[in-house]
């Protein structure tokens, strides 16, 4: 259970980082 939660957290962080990078890229593209 704990290990699964840790993996889920890592995935969530990766997704958040990726989405943040996409937002940054989009704002640069629209500029």
N, C-alpha and C. Protein backbone atom coordinates (compact mmCIF):
# COMPACT_ATOMS: atom_id res chain seq x y z
N UNK A 1 0.84 -1.20 0.00
CA UNK A 1 0.00 0.00 0.00
C UNK A 1 0.88 1.25 0.00
N UNK A 2 1.85 1.26 0.93
CA UNK A 2 2.71 2.45 1.00
C UNK A 2 3.51 2.62 -0.29
N UNK A 3 4.05 1.50 -0.78
CA UNK A 3 4.86 1.57 -2.00
C UNK A 3 4.00 2.07 -3.17
N UNK A 4 2.76 1.57 -3.25
CA UNK A 4 1.88 2.01 -4.34
C UNK A 4 1.63 3.51 -4.24
N UNK A 5 1.41 3.99 -3.02
CA UNK A 5 1.16 5.42 -2.83
C UNK A 5 2.37 6.22 -3.30
N UNK A 6 3.58 5.71 -2.98
CA UNK A 6 4.79 6.42 -3.38
C UNK A 6 4.88 6.50 -4.90
N UNK A 7 4.59 5.37 -5.57
CA UNK A 7 4.64 5.38 -7.03
C UNK A 7 3.62 6.36 -7.59
N UNK A 8 2.43 6.37 -7.01
CA UNK A 8 1.39 7.27 -7.47
C UNK A 8 1.85 8.71 -7.32
N UNK A 9 2.49 9.01 -6.21
CA UNK A 9 2.96 10.38 -5.97
C UNK A 9 4.00 10.77 -7.03
N UNK A 10 4.91 9.85 -7.31
CA UNK A 10 5.94 10.13 -8.33
C UNK A 10 5.28 10.41 -9.67
N UNK A 11 4.28 9.59 -10.01
CA UNK A 11 3.58 9.78 -11.28
C UNK A 11 2.90 11.15 -11.29
N UNK A 12 2.25 11.49 -10.18
CA UNK A 12 1.54 12.77 -10.10
C UNK A 12 2.52 13.92 -10.29
N UNK A 13 3.67 13.82 -9.65
CA UNK A 13 4.68 14.89 -9.77
C UNK A 13 5.15 15.00 -11.22
N UNK A 14 5.40 13.85 -11.85
CA UNK A 14 5.86 13.87 -13.24
C UNK A 14 4.81 14.50 -14.14
N UNK A 15 3.55 14.12 -13.93
CA UNK A 15 2.47 14.68 -14.76
C UNK A 15 2.37 16.18 -14.54
N UNK A 16 2.47 16.59 -13.27
CA UNK A 16 2.36 18.02 -12.98
C UNK A 16 3.51 18.78 -13.65
N UNK A 17 4.72 18.21 -13.55
CA UNK A 17 5.88 18.87 -14.15
C UNK A 17 5.70 18.97 -15.67
N UNK A 18 5.18 17.88 -16.27
CA UNK A 18 4.99 17.86 -17.72
C UNK A 18 3.95 18.90 -18.13
N UNK A 19 2.82 18.94 -17.40
CA UNK A 19 1.76 19.89 -17.75
C UNK A 19 2.28 21.31 -17.58
N UNK A 20 3.10 21.55 -16.57
CA UNK A 20 3.66 22.89 -16.36
C UNK A 20 4.55 23.24 -17.55
N UNK A 21 5.35 22.28 -18.02
CA UNK A 21 6.22 22.53 -19.16
C UNK A 21 5.38 22.82 -20.41
N UNK A 22 4.28 22.09 -20.59
CA UNK A 22 3.43 22.32 -21.75
C UNK A 22 2.84 23.72 -21.70
N UNK A 23 2.38 24.14 -20.52
CA UNK A 23 1.80 25.49 -20.38
C UNK A 23 2.85 26.53 -20.75
N UNK A 24 4.07 26.33 -20.25
CA UNK A 24 5.16 27.26 -20.54
C UNK A 24 5.38 27.32 -22.06
N UNK A 25 5.42 26.15 -22.69
CA UNK A 25 5.67 26.08 -24.13
C UNK A 25 4.55 26.81 -24.89
N UNK A 26 3.31 26.59 -24.47
CA UNK A 26 2.18 27.22 -25.16
C UNK A 26 2.25 28.74 -25.04
N UNK A 27 2.57 29.24 -23.84
CA UNK A 27 2.63 30.69 -23.65
C UNK A 27 3.75 31.26 -24.53
N UNK A 28 4.85 30.55 -24.66
CA UNK A 28 5.95 31.05 -25.50
C UNK A 28 5.53 31.04 -26.97
N UNK A 29 4.75 30.02 -27.36
CA UNK A 29 4.32 29.90 -28.75
C UNK A 29 3.36 31.04 -29.11
N UNK A 30 2.46 31.39 -28.17
CA UNK A 30 1.46 32.43 -28.46
C UNK A 30 2.11 33.81 -28.47
N UNK A 31 3.26 33.96 -27.78
CA UNK A 31 3.88 35.28 -27.72
C UNK A 31 4.40 35.69 -29.09
